[in-house]
Amino acid sequence: MKRIGVLVSGGGTNLQAILDACDSGIIKSGKVVTVVSNKKDVYALERAKNANVEGVVIEKKAFSSVEAFDEALCEHMKSRSVDLIVMAGFLCIVGDKLIKEFENRIINIHPSLIPSFCGEGYYGLKVHEAALSYGVKVSGATVHYVNGVVDGGKIIKQKAVYINDDDTPETLQKRIMEEAEWKILPEAIEEICKTL
């Protein structure tokens, strides 16, 4: 059973999808052992607690440098013998130490079909606002490995979601979560855990 560490910054809907997939047997080769948030008082920590999973806050602002924050994340994951790190709505860019230490063992879910609407500044509703203002007819979600380029790592899985004429950023975000993110993220985790 591979040990999974999840990085979160907010409500934790993708974390919940992972926890549910562990319970239902979609993820059977791994289990979540720690959830780390870069913000206090986020609902993701409540979700971890409800699932009897350790929830920890490591705030970027508590450190004098990005490198020190990165070092703290890295040491935490190593201290929990984590095999795979999943960024599930983690709104911090991780540093070189974590990426090197966990090379090809950090994945991220992004709410578009990379290479569209990705990279620095594209997160949350901003991604869906950009897709709608551009007028694309299809969006979706991508699970990819994390490297030194924001949203630039090798693609693992993608799922397309059609855009409706009456979509708002909020309705599109919800549908992409339900139809794509919550499906392909657990599937990717299981596939990777099986091969680690």
N, C-alpha and C. Protein backbone atom coordinates (compact mmCIF):
# COMPACT_ATOMS: atom_id res chain seq x y z
N MET A 1 0.85 -1.19 0.00
CA MET A 1 0.00 0.00 0.00
C MET A 1 0.89 1.25 0.00
N LYS A 2 0.84 2.02 -1.08
CA LYS A 2 1.66 3.22 -1.18
C LYS A 2 1.07 4.33 -0.32
N ARG A 3 1.97 5.18 0.18
CA ARG A 3 1.57 6.25 1.10
C ARG A 3 1.46 7.56 0.32
N ILE A 4 0.28 8.19 0.43
CA ILE A 4 -0.04 9.40 -0.35
C ILE A 4 -0.09 10.61 0.57
N GLY A 5 0.57 11.68 0.16
CA GLY A 5 0.47 12.96 0.84
C GLY A 5 -0.27 13.92 -0.08
N VAL A 6 -1.25 14.64 0.45
CA VAL A 6 -2.05 15.54 -0.38
C VAL A 6 -1.81 16.99 0.06
N LEU A 7 -1.54 17.86 -0.91
CA LEU A 7 -1.36 19.29 -0.66
C LEU A 7 -2.62 20.04 -1.07
N VAL A 8 -3.14 20.87 -0.17
CA VAL A 8 -4.40 21.58 -0.40
C VAL A 8 -4.29 23.04 0.02
N SER A 9 -5.23 23.86 -0.50
CA SER A 9 -5.27 25.27 -0.11
C SER A 9 -6.67 25.76 0.23
N GLY A 10 -7.69 24.94 0.00
CA GLY A 10 -9.05 25.45 0.16
C GLY A 10 -10.05 24.43 0.66
N GLY A 11 -11.16 24.34 -0.06
CA GLY A 11 -12.29 23.50 0.37
C GLY A 11 -12.03 22.01 0.34
N GLY A 12 -11.13 21.59 -0.55
CA GLY A 12 -10.75 20.18 -0.55
C GLY A 12 -11.70 19.25 -1.29
N THR A 13 -12.36 19.75 -2.35
CA THR A 13 -13.28 18.87 -3.09
C THR A 13 -12.52 17.75 -3.79
N ASN A 14 -11.34 18.04 -4.33
CA ASN A 14 -10.54 16.98 -4.95
C ASN A 14 -9.99 16.02 -3.89
N LEU A 15 -9.63 16.55 -2.73
CA LEU A 15 -9.23 15.68 -1.62
C LEU A 15 -10.36 14.71 -1.28
N GLN A 16 -11.59 15.23 -1.21
CA GLN A 16 -12.74 14.38 -0.90
C GLN A 16 -12.91 13.29 -1.95
N ALA A 17 -12.70 13.65 -3.21
CA ALA A 17 -12.80 12.66 -4.30
C ALA A 17 -11.76 11.55 -4.10
N ILE A 18 -10.56 11.93 -3.65
CA ILE A 18 -9.50 10.95 -3.40
C ILE A 18 -9.87 10.05 -2.21
N LEU A 19 -10.33 10.67 -1.13
CA LEU A 19 -10.72 9.89 0.07
C LEU A 19 -11.86 8.94 -0.25
N ASP A 20 -12.85 9.42 -1.02
CA ASP A 20 -13.99 8.58 -1.42
C ASP A 20 -13.53 7.42 -2.30
N ALA A 21 -12.56 7.70 -3.19
CA ALA A 21 -12.04 6.66 -4.08
C ALA A 21 -11.26 5.60 -3.30
N CYS A 22 -10.62 6.01 -2.22
CA CYS A 22 -9.94 5.04 -1.35
C CYS A 22 -10.98 4.15 -0.66
N ASP A 23 -12.06 4.77 -0.19
CA ASP A 23 -13.13 4.01 0.49
C ASP A 23 -13.85 3.06 -0.45
N SER A 24 -14.06 3.49 -1.70
CA SER A 24 -14.85 2.69 -2.63
C SER A 24 -14.03 1.63 -3.37
N GLY A 25 -12.70 1.71 -3.23
CA GLY A 25 -11.86 0.72 -3.90
C GLY A 25 -11.36 1.12 -5.27
N ILE A 26 -11.69 2.35 -5.72
CA ILE A 26 -11.12 2.84 -6.98
C ILE A 26 -9.60 2.98 -6.80
N ILE A 27 -9.22 3.55 -5.64
CA ILE A 27 -7.80 3.56 -5.26
C ILE A 27 -7.61 2.42 -4.26
N LYS A 28 -6.94 1.35 -4.70
CA LYS A 28 -6.71 0.22 -3.80
C LYS A 28 -5.23 -0.03 -3.54
N SER A 29 -4.37 0.68 -4.28
CA SER A 29 -2.93 0.47 -4.14
C SER A 29 -2.26 1.56 -3.30
N GLY A 30 -3.07 2.50 -2.78
CA GLY A 30 -2.52 3.58 -1.98
C GLY A 30 -3.52 4.08 -0.95
N LYS A 31 -2.99 4.81 0.04
CA LYS A 31 -3.87 5.43 1.04
C LYS A 31 -3.31 6.78 1.45
N VAL A 32 -4.20 7.70 1.77
CA VAL A 32 -3.79 9.04 2.18
C VAL A 32 -3.33 8.98 3.63
N VAL A 33 -2.07 9.39 3.88
CA VAL A 33 -1.53 9.36 5.24
C VAL A 33 -1.37 10.75 5.83
N THR A 34 -1.32 11.78 4.99
CA THR A 34 -1.18 13.14 5.51
C THR A 34 -1.77 14.14 4.51
N VAL A 35 -2.39 15.18 5.05
CA VAL A 35 -2.93 16.28 4.25
C VAL A 35 -2.28 17.55 4.76
N VAL A 36 -1.65 18.30 3.86
CA VAL A 36 -0.96 19.54 4.25
C VAL A 36 -1.62 20.71 3.55
N SER A 37 -2.00 21.70 4.36
CA SER A 37 -2.56 22.94 3.82
C SER A 37 -1.59 24.08 4.05
N ASN A 38 -1.53 25.00 3.09
CA ASN A 38 -0.72 26.20 3.29
C ASN A 38 -1.54 27.32 3.93
N LYS A 39 -2.79 27.01 4.29
CA LYS A 39 -3.66 28.00 4.95
C LYS A 39 -4.37 27.35 6.13
N LYS A 40 -4.53 28.14 7.20
CA LYS A 40 -5.30 27.68 8.37
C LYS A 40 -6.79 27.74 8.06
N ASP A 41 -7.56 27.00 8.81
CA ASP A 41 -9.02 27.10 8.79
C ASP A 41 -9.64 26.87 7.42
N VAL A 42 -9.07 25.99 6.62
CA VAL A 42 -9.71 25.64 5.35
C VAL A 42 -10.49 24.34 5.54
N TYR A 43 -11.55 24.18 4.78
CA TYR A 43 -12.43 23.03 4.97
C TYR A 43 -11.75 21.70 4.62
N ALA A 44 -10.72 21.76 3.78
CA ALA A 44 -9.97 20.54 3.45
C ALA A 44 -9.44 19.86 4.71
N LEU A 45 -9.01 20.65 5.69
CA LEU A 45 -8.49 20.07 6.94
C LEU A 45 -9.60 19.35 7.72
N GLU A 46 -10.81 19.88 7.64
CA GLU A 46 -11.97 19.24 8.26
C GLU A 46 -12.26 17.90 7.56
N ARG A 47 -12.14 17.90 6.24
CA ARG A 47 -12.34 16.65 5.48
C ARG A 47 -11.33 15.59 5.90
N ALA A 48 -10.07 16.01 6.09
CA ALA A 48 -9.02 15.08 6.53
C ALA A 48 -9.38 14.51 7.90
N LYS A 49 -9.77 15.41 8.81
CA LYS A 49 -10.13 14.99 10.17
C LYS A 49 -11.30 14.00 10.15
N ASN A 50 -12.31 14.28 9.33
CA ASN A 50 -13.47 13.39 9.23
C ASN A 50 -13.10 12.00 8.71
N ALA A 51 -11.98 11.93 7.96
CA ALA A 51 -11.53 10.65 7.40
C ALA A 51 -10.44 10.02 8.26
N ASN A 52 -10.22 10.60 9.45
CA ASN A 52 -9.16 10.12 10.35
C ASN A 52 -7.78 10.15 9.71
N VAL A 53 -7.53 11.21 8.94
CA VAL A 53 -6.23 11.41 8.31
C VAL A 53 -5.61 12.65 8.93
N GLU A 54 -4.31 12.59 9.18
CA GLU A 54 -3.59 13.72 9.75
C GLU A 54 -3.74 14.95 8.84
N GLY A 55 -4.06 16.09 9.45
CA GLY A 55 -4.12 17.36 8.73
C GLY A 55 -3.13 18.32 9.37
N VAL A 56 -2.27 18.91 8.56
CA VAL A 56 -1.19 19.76 9.06
C VAL A 56 -1.21 21.08 8.29
N VAL A 57 -0.89 22.17 8.99
CA VAL A 57 -0.77 23.48 8.33
C VAL A 57 0.71 23.85 8.26
N ILE A 58 1.18 24.09 7.05
CA ILE A 58 2.54 24.62 6.86
C ILE A 58 2.36 25.88 6.02
N GLU A 59 2.37 27.02 6.70
CA GLU A 59 2.10 28.29 6.03
C GLU A 59 3.36 28.89 5.43
N LYS A 60 3.25 29.29 4.18
CA LYS A 60 4.39 29.90 3.48
C LYS A 60 4.88 31.14 4.22
N LYS A 61 3.93 31.94 4.75
CA LYS A 61 4.30 33.20 5.40
C LYS A 61 5.05 32.99 6.72
N ALA A 62 5.05 31.76 7.23
CA ALA A 62 5.78 31.47 8.47
C ALA A 62 7.28 31.30 8.24
N PHE A 63 7.68 31.31 6.97
CA PHE A 63 9.09 31.07 6.64
C PHE A 63 9.72 32.31 6.02
N SER A 64 11.03 32.44 6.22
CA SER A 64 11.73 33.63 5.74
C SER A 64 11.96 33.60 4.23
N SER A 65 11.87 32.41 3.63
CA SER A 65 12.10 32.32 2.18
C SER A 65 11.27 31.20 1.58
N VAL A 66 11.13 31.25 0.27
CA VAL A 66 10.43 30.19 -0.46
C VAL A 66 11.17 28.87 -0.26
N GLU A 67 12.50 28.94 -0.24
CA GLU A 67 13.33 27.74 -0.07
C GLU A 67 13.06 27.08 1.29
N ALA A 68 12.92 27.90 2.34
CA ALA A 68 12.67 27.35 3.68
C ALA A 68 11.30 26.68 3.75
N PHE A 69 10.31 27.29 3.08
CA PHE A 69 8.96 26.71 2.99
C PHE A 69 9.02 25.37 2.26
N ASP A 70 9.74 25.36 1.15
CA ASP A 70 9.90 24.14 0.34
C ASP A 70 10.57 23.04 1.16
N GLU A 71 11.60 23.43 1.89
CA GLU A 71 12.33 22.48 2.76
C GLU A 71 11.38 21.88 3.81
N ALA A 72 10.53 22.71 4.39
CA ALA A 72 9.58 22.24 5.41
C ALA A 72 8.59 21.24 4.81
N LEU A 73 8.07 21.54 3.61
CA LEU A 73 7.16 20.61 2.93
C LEU A 73 7.86 19.28 2.66
N CYS A 74 9.09 19.38 2.16
CA CYS A 74 9.87 18.21 1.81
C CYS A 74 10.14 17.34 3.05
N GLU A 75 10.58 17.97 4.12
CA GLU A 75 10.88 17.22 5.36
C GLU A 75 9.62 16.57 5.92
N HIS A 76 8.50 17.27 5.85
CA HIS A 76 7.24 16.70 6.34
C HIS A 76 6.89 15.44 5.56
N MET A 77 6.94 15.52 4.24
CA MET A 77 6.58 14.36 3.40
C MET A 77 7.54 13.20 3.63
N LYS A 78 8.83 13.51 3.78
CA LYS A 78 9.81 12.44 4.04
C LYS A 78 9.57 11.81 5.42
N SER A 79 9.22 12.64 6.39
CA SER A 79 9.00 12.12 7.75
C SER A 79 7.78 11.20 7.82
N ARG A 80 6.88 11.33 6.86
CA ARG A 80 5.69 10.46 6.81
C ARG A 80 5.87 9.32 5.80
N SER A 81 7.09 9.16 5.28
CA SER A 81 7.41 8.11 4.29
C SER A 81 6.45 8.11 3.11
N VAL A 82 6.17 9.32 2.61
CA VAL A 82 5.22 9.47 1.50
C VAL A 82 5.85 8.96 0.19
N ASP A 83 5.08 8.18 -0.55
CA ASP A 83 5.52 7.67 -1.86
C ASP A 83 5.08 8.58 -3.00
N LEU A 84 3.89 9.17 -2.87
CA LEU A 84 3.31 10.00 -3.93
C LEU A 84 2.69 11.24 -3.32
N ILE A 85 3.03 12.40 -3.89
CA ILE A 85 2.43 13.67 -3.45
C ILE A 85 1.41 14.10 -4.50
N VAL A 86 0.21 14.44 -4.03
CA VAL A 86 -0.86 14.89 -4.93
C VAL A 86 -1.21 16.33 -4.59
N MET A 87 -1.05 17.21 -5.57
CA MET A 87 -1.45 18.60 -5.40
C MET A 87 -2.91 18.69 -5.84
N ALA A 88 -3.79 18.89 -4.85
CA ALA A 88 -5.23 18.87 -5.12
C ALA A 88 -5.79 20.25 -4.78
N GLY A 89 -5.57 21.20 -5.69
CA GLY A 89 -5.99 22.57 -5.40
C GLY A 89 -5.02 23.25 -4.47
N PHE A 90 -3.73 23.03 -4.69
CA PHE A 90 -2.68 23.65 -3.87
C PHE A 90 -2.21 24.90 -4.62
N LEU A 91 -2.49 26.07 -4.04
CA LEU A 91 -2.25 27.32 -4.75
C LEU A 91 -0.89 27.93 -4.46
N CYS A 92 0.10 27.07 -4.22
CA CYS A 92 1.48 27.52 -4.07
C CYS A 92 2.31 26.80 -5.12
N ILE A 93 3.30 27.48 -5.64
CA ILE A 93 4.23 26.82 -6.56
C ILE A 93 5.29 26.16 -5.69
N VAL A 94 5.49 24.85 -5.89
CA VAL A 94 6.47 24.13 -5.08
C VAL A 94 7.87 24.37 -5.64
N GLY A 95 8.85 24.23 -4.75
CA GLY A 95 10.23 24.54 -5.12
C GLY A 95 11.04 23.35 -5.61
N ASP A 96 12.30 23.66 -5.95
CA ASP A 96 13.19 22.67 -6.55
C ASP A 96 13.49 21.49 -5.64
N LYS A 97 13.63 21.75 -4.34
CA LYS A 97 14.00 20.66 -3.43
C LYS A 97 12.93 19.57 -3.42
N LEU A 98 11.68 19.98 -3.27
CA LEU A 98 10.58 19.01 -3.24
C LEU A 98 10.49 18.28 -4.59
N ILE A 99 10.62 19.03 -5.68
CA ILE A 99 10.53 18.43 -7.02
C ILE A 99 11.65 17.42 -7.24
N LYS A 100 12.87 17.74 -6.82
CA LYS A 100 14.00 16.82 -6.99
C LYS A 100 13.86 15.60 -6.09
N GLU A 101 13.50 15.86 -4.83
CA GLU A 101 13.39 14.76 -3.84
C GLU A 101 12.30 13.76 -4.23
N PHE A 102 11.22 14.28 -4.82
CA PHE A 102 10.08 13.42 -5.20
C PHE A 102 9.90 13.42 -6.72
N GLU A 103 11.00 13.33 -7.44
CA GLU A 103 10.94 13.38 -8.91
C GLU A 103 10.03 12.28 -9.46
N ASN A 104 9.13 12.69 -10.36
CA ASN A 104 8.12 11.79 -10.95
C ASN A 104 7.22 11.13 -9.90
N ARG A 105 7.12 11.79 -8.74
CA ARG A 105 6.22 11.29 -7.69
C ARG A 105 5.37 12.42 -7.12
N ILE A 106 5.25 13.53 -7.89
CA ILE A 106 4.33 14.62 -7.54
C ILE A 106 3.42 14.82 -8.74
N ILE A 107 2.11 14.80 -8.48
CA ILE A 107 1.16 15.05 -9.56
C ILE A 107 0.23 16.19 -9.18
N ASN A 108 -0.35 16.81 -10.20
CA ASN A 108 -1.25 17.95 -10.00
C ASN A 108 -2.48 17.76 -10.88
N ILE A 109 -3.61 18.28 -10.42
CA ILE A 109 -4.82 18.32 -11.25
C ILE A 109 -5.03 19.78 -11.66
N HIS A 110 -5.23 19.99 -12.97
CA HIS A 110 -5.45 21.35 -13.47
C HIS A 110 -6.78 21.39 -14.22
N PRO A 111 -7.61 22.43 -13.99
CA PRO A 111 -8.97 22.45 -14.56
C PRO A 111 -9.07 22.97 -15.99
N SER A 112 -8.18 22.48 -16.87
CA SER A 112 -8.31 22.76 -18.31
C SER A 112 -7.58 21.64 -19.04
N LEU A 113 -7.70 21.66 -20.35
CA LEU A 113 -6.96 20.70 -21.17
C LEU A 113 -5.61 21.34 -21.52
N ILE A 114 -4.60 21.03 -20.74
CA ILE A 114 -3.26 21.57 -20.99
C ILE A 114 -2.86 21.14 -22.41
N PRO A 115 -2.31 22.04 -23.24
CA PRO A 115 -1.65 23.31 -22.90
C PRO A 115 -2.53 24.56 -22.93
N SER A 116 -3.84 24.42 -22.96
CA SER A 116 -4.71 25.61 -22.93
C SER A 116 -4.92 26.10 -21.50
N PHE A 117 -4.95 27.41 -21.34
CA PHE A 117 -5.34 28.06 -20.07
C PHE A 117 -4.59 27.47 -18.87
N CYS A 118 -3.26 27.47 -18.97
CA CYS A 118 -2.46 26.93 -17.88
C CYS A 118 -1.24 27.82 -17.67
N GLY A 119 -0.46 27.50 -16.67
CA GLY A 119 0.74 28.27 -16.34
C GLY A 119 0.47 29.25 -15.22
N GLU A 120 1.44 30.08 -14.95
CA GLU A 120 1.32 31.00 -13.82
C GLU A 120 0.11 31.92 -13.97
N GLY A 121 -0.64 32.07 -12.89
CA GLY A 121 -1.82 32.95 -12.89
C GLY A 121 -3.11 32.25 -13.29
N TYR A 122 -3.02 31.05 -13.83
CA TYR A 122 -4.22 30.30 -14.22
C TYR A 122 -4.57 29.29 -13.12
N TYR A 123 -5.51 29.67 -12.28
CA TYR A 123 -5.98 28.77 -11.22
C TYR A 123 -7.42 29.13 -10.88
N GLY A 124 -8.13 28.16 -10.28
CA GLY A 124 -9.50 28.40 -9.84
C GLY A 124 -10.39 28.92 -10.97
N LEU A 125 -11.24 29.87 -10.63
CA LEU A 125 -12.20 30.41 -11.60
C LEU A 125 -11.53 31.14 -12.77
N LYS A 126 -10.30 31.61 -12.56
CA LYS A 126 -9.59 32.34 -13.64
C LYS A 126 -9.46 31.48 -14.89
N VAL A 127 -9.25 30.17 -14.69
CA VAL A 127 -9.11 29.25 -15.81
C VAL A 127 -10.41 29.22 -16.62
N HIS A 128 -11.53 29.10 -15.93
CA HIS A 128 -12.83 28.98 -16.59
C HIS A 128 -13.27 30.31 -17.22
N GLU A 129 -12.92 31.41 -16.55
CA GLU A 129 -13.20 32.74 -17.13
C GLU A 129 -12.45 32.89 -18.45
N ALA A 130 -11.20 32.46 -18.48
CA ALA A 130 -10.38 32.56 -19.69
C ALA A 130 -10.96 31.69 -20.81
N ALA A 131 -11.36 30.47 -20.46
CA ALA A 131 -11.91 29.54 -21.47
C ALA A 131 -13.19 30.13 -22.08
N LEU A 132 -14.06 30.68 -21.24
CA LEU A 132 -15.33 31.24 -21.73
C LEU A 132 -15.09 32.51 -22.55
N SER A 133 -14.18 33.36 -22.09
CA SER A 133 -13.96 34.60 -22.84
C SER A 133 -13.28 34.32 -24.19
N TYR A 134 -12.53 33.25 -24.27
CA TYR A 134 -11.89 32.87 -25.53
C TYR A 134 -12.88 32.22 -26.48
N GLY A 135 -13.94 31.64 -25.90
CA GLY A 135 -14.98 31.06 -26.74
C GLY A 135 -14.75 29.60 -27.13
N VAL A 136 -13.87 28.90 -26.41
CA VAL A 136 -13.66 27.49 -26.74
C VAL A 136 -14.94 26.70 -26.49
N LYS A 137 -15.11 25.62 -27.21
CA LYS A 137 -16.32 24.80 -27.10
C LYS A 137 -16.11 23.59 -26.20
N VAL A 138 -14.83 23.29 -25.92
CA VAL A 138 -14.49 22.13 -25.08
C VAL A 138 -13.42 22.57 -24.09
N SER A 139 -13.60 22.20 -22.84
CA SER A 139 -12.55 22.38 -21.84
C SER A 139 -12.38 21.03 -21.16
N GLY A 140 -11.98 21.03 -19.90
CA GLY A 140 -11.83 19.74 -19.22
C GLY A 140 -10.82 19.83 -18.10
N ALA A 141 -10.15 18.71 -17.84
CA ALA A 141 -9.17 18.66 -16.75
C ALA A 141 -7.99 17.80 -17.19
N THR A 142 -6.85 18.08 -16.56
CA THR A 142 -5.60 17.38 -16.86
C THR A 142 -4.92 16.99 -15.55
N VAL A 143 -4.48 15.74 -15.47
CA VAL A 143 -3.58 15.31 -14.39
C VAL A 143 -2.20 15.23 -15.03
N HIS A 144 -1.22 15.88 -14.38
CA HIS A 144 0.13 15.88 -14.93
C HIS A 144 1.17 15.78 -13.83
N TYR A 145 2.37 15.34 -14.21
CA TYR A 145 3.48 15.34 -13.26
C TYR A 145 3.92 16.78 -13.04
N VAL A 146 4.47 17.05 -11.86
CA VAL A 146 4.94 18.39 -11.52
C VAL A 146 6.45 18.45 -11.76
N ASN A 147 6.85 19.47 -12.52
CA ASN A 147 8.27 19.73 -12.70
C ASN A 147 8.53 21.21 -12.42
N GLY A 148 9.66 21.73 -12.88
CA GLY A 148 10.02 23.11 -12.57
C GLY A 148 9.25 24.17 -13.34
N VAL A 149 8.41 23.75 -14.30
CA VAL A 149 7.60 24.69 -15.09
C VAL A 149 6.14 24.58 -14.63
N VAL A 150 5.49 25.70 -14.30
CA VAL A 150 4.11 25.66 -13.82
C VAL A 150 3.21 25.01 -14.88
N ASP A 151 2.55 23.93 -14.49
CA ASP A 151 1.66 23.15 -15.38
C ASP A 151 2.41 22.60 -16.59
N GLY A 152 3.72 22.42 -16.46
CA GLY A 152 4.54 22.02 -17.61
C GLY A 152 4.98 20.56 -17.63
N GLY A 153 4.62 19.80 -16.62
CA GLY A 153 5.06 18.40 -16.55
C GLY A 153 4.30 17.49 -17.49
N LYS A 154 4.83 16.28 -17.66
CA LYS A 154 4.25 15.29 -18.57
C LYS A 154 2.79 15.00 -18.20
N ILE A 155 1.94 14.97 -19.22
CA ILE A 155 0.50 14.72 -19.01
C ILE A 155 0.27 13.23 -18.74
N ILE A 156 -0.53 12.95 -17.72
CA ILE A 156 -0.87 11.57 -17.34
C ILE A 156 -2.25 11.19 -17.86
N LYS A 157 -3.24 12.06 -17.62
CA LYS A 157 -4.62 11.81 -18.04
C LYS A 157 -5.31 13.13 -18.35
N GLN A 158 -6.22 13.08 -19.31
CA GLN A 158 -7.07 14.24 -19.61
C GLN A 158 -8.49 13.76 -19.86
N LYS A 159 -9.44 14.63 -19.56
CA LYS A 159 -10.84 14.32 -19.88
C LYS A 159 -11.50 15.62 -20.33
N ALA A 160 -12.19 15.53 -21.46
CA ALA A 160 -12.85 16.71 -22.03
C ALA A 160 -14.25 16.88 -21.48
N VAL A 161 -14.67 18.13 -21.39
CA VAL A 161 -16.03 18.49 -20.97
C VAL A 161 -16.51 19.57 -21.94
N TYR A 162 -17.68 19.33 -22.53
CA TYR A 162 -18.23 20.32 -23.47
C TYR A 162 -18.75 21.54 -22.73
N ILE A 163 -18.60 22.70 -23.36
CA ILE A 163 -19.06 23.96 -22.78
C ILE A 163 -20.45 24.26 -23.34
N ASN A 164 -21.36 24.62 -22.43
CA ASN A 164 -22.72 24.99 -22.83
C ASN A 164 -22.78 26.49 -23.11
N ASP A 165 -23.71 26.90 -23.98
CA ASP A 165 -23.86 28.31 -24.33
C ASP A 165 -24.15 29.19 -23.12
N ASP A 166 -24.86 28.63 -22.14
CA ASP A 166 -25.24 29.44 -20.97
C ASP A 166 -24.31 29.25 -19.78
N ASP A 167 -23.14 28.65 -20.00
CA ASP A 167 -22.21 28.43 -18.89
C ASP A 167 -21.68 29.74 -18.33
N THR A 168 -21.52 29.76 -17.02
CA THR A 168 -20.79 30.82 -16.32
C THR A 168 -19.50 30.17 -15.83
N PRO A 169 -18.52 30.95 -15.38
CA PRO A 169 -17.31 30.32 -14.84
C PRO A 169 -17.66 29.33 -13.71
N GLU A 170 -18.66 29.67 -12.91
CA GLU A 170 -19.04 28.82 -11.77
C GLU A 170 -19.68 27.51 -12.22
N THR A 171 -20.59 27.57 -13.21
CA THR A 171 -21.24 26.33 -13.66
C THR A 171 -20.24 25.44 -14.40
N LEU A 172 -19.35 26.06 -15.14
CA LEU A 172 -18.33 25.28 -15.85
C LEU A 172 -17.37 24.62 -14.86
N GLN A 173 -16.96 25.38 -13.85
CA GLN A 173 -16.06 24.84 -12.82
C GLN A 173 -16.68 23.60 -12.16
N LYS A 174 -17.96 23.72 -11.80
CA LYS A 174 -18.65 22.62 -11.12
C LYS A 174 -18.73 21.39 -12.02
N ARG A 175 -19.07 21.60 -13.29
CA ARG A 175 -19.21 20.46 -14.21
C ARG A 175 -17.86 19.80 -14.50
N ILE A 176 -16.81 20.60 -14.63
CA ILE A 176 -15.49 20.02 -14.88
C ILE A 176 -15.03 19.21 -13.66
N MET A 177 -15.32 19.71 -12.47
CA MET A 177 -15.00 18.93 -11.26
C MET A 177 -15.73 17.58 -11.29
N GLU A 178 -17.05 17.66 -11.46
CA GLU A 178 -17.88 16.45 -11.37
C GLU A 178 -17.62 15.46 -12.49
N GLU A 179 -17.46 15.96 -13.73
CA GLU A 179 -17.35 15.07 -14.88
C GLU A 179 -15.92 14.67 -15.21
N ALA A 180 -14.94 15.47 -14.77
CA ALA A 180 -13.56 15.18 -15.15
C ALA A 180 -12.62 15.03 -13.95
N GLU A 181 -12.45 16.10 -13.16
CA GLU A 181 -11.44 16.08 -12.10
C GLU A 181 -11.63 14.91 -11.13
N TRP A 182 -12.87 14.75 -10.63
CA TRP A 182 -13.11 13.74 -9.59
C TRP A 182 -13.02 12.32 -10.12
N LYS A 183 -12.98 12.18 -11.46
CA LYS A 183 -12.84 10.85 -12.07
C LYS A 183 -11.37 10.55 -12.38
N ILE A 184 -10.73 11.48 -13.13
CA ILE A 184 -9.37 11.15 -13.61
C ILE A 184 -8.30 11.25 -12.52
N LEU A 185 -8.50 12.09 -11.50
CA LEU A 185 -7.48 12.18 -10.45
C LEU A 185 -7.36 10.86 -9.68
N PRO A 186 -8.46 10.29 -9.16
CA PRO A 186 -8.33 8.98 -8.50
C PRO A 186 -7.79 7.89 -9.42
N GLU A 187 -8.22 7.88 -10.68
CA GLU A 187 -7.74 6.87 -11.63
C GLU A 187 -6.22 6.98 -11.81
N ALA A 188 -5.73 8.21 -11.96
CA ALA A 188 -4.29 8.43 -12.13
C ALA A 188 -3.52 8.00 -10.89
N ILE A 189 -4.07 8.32 -9.71
CA ILE A 189 -3.40 7.94 -8.46
C ILE A 189 -3.28 6.42 -8.37
N GLU A 190 -4.34 5.71 -8.68
CA GLU A 190 -4.30 4.25 -8.64
C GLU A 190 -3.27 3.70 -9.63
N GLU A 191 -3.27 4.21 -10.84
CA GLU A 191 -2.31 3.74 -11.85
C GLU A 191 -0.88 3.96 -11.40
N ILE A 192 -0.60 5.12 -10.83
CA ILE A 192 0.78 5.43 -10.39
C ILE A 192 1.16 4.58 -9.18
N CYS A 193 0.26 4.47 -8.20
CA CYS A 193 0.55 3.68 -6.99
C CYS A 193 0.84 2.22 -7.34
N LYS A 194 0.15 1.71 -8.37
CA LYS A 194 0.39 0.32 -8.79
C LYS A 194 1.80 0.12 -9.33
N THR A 195 2.36 1.16 -9.92
CA THR A 195 3.67 1.02 -10.57
C THR A 195 4.85 1.50 -9.72
N LEU A 196 4.58 2.21 -8.63
CA LEU A 196 5.68 2.72 -7.79
C LEU A 196 6.41 1.59 -7.06
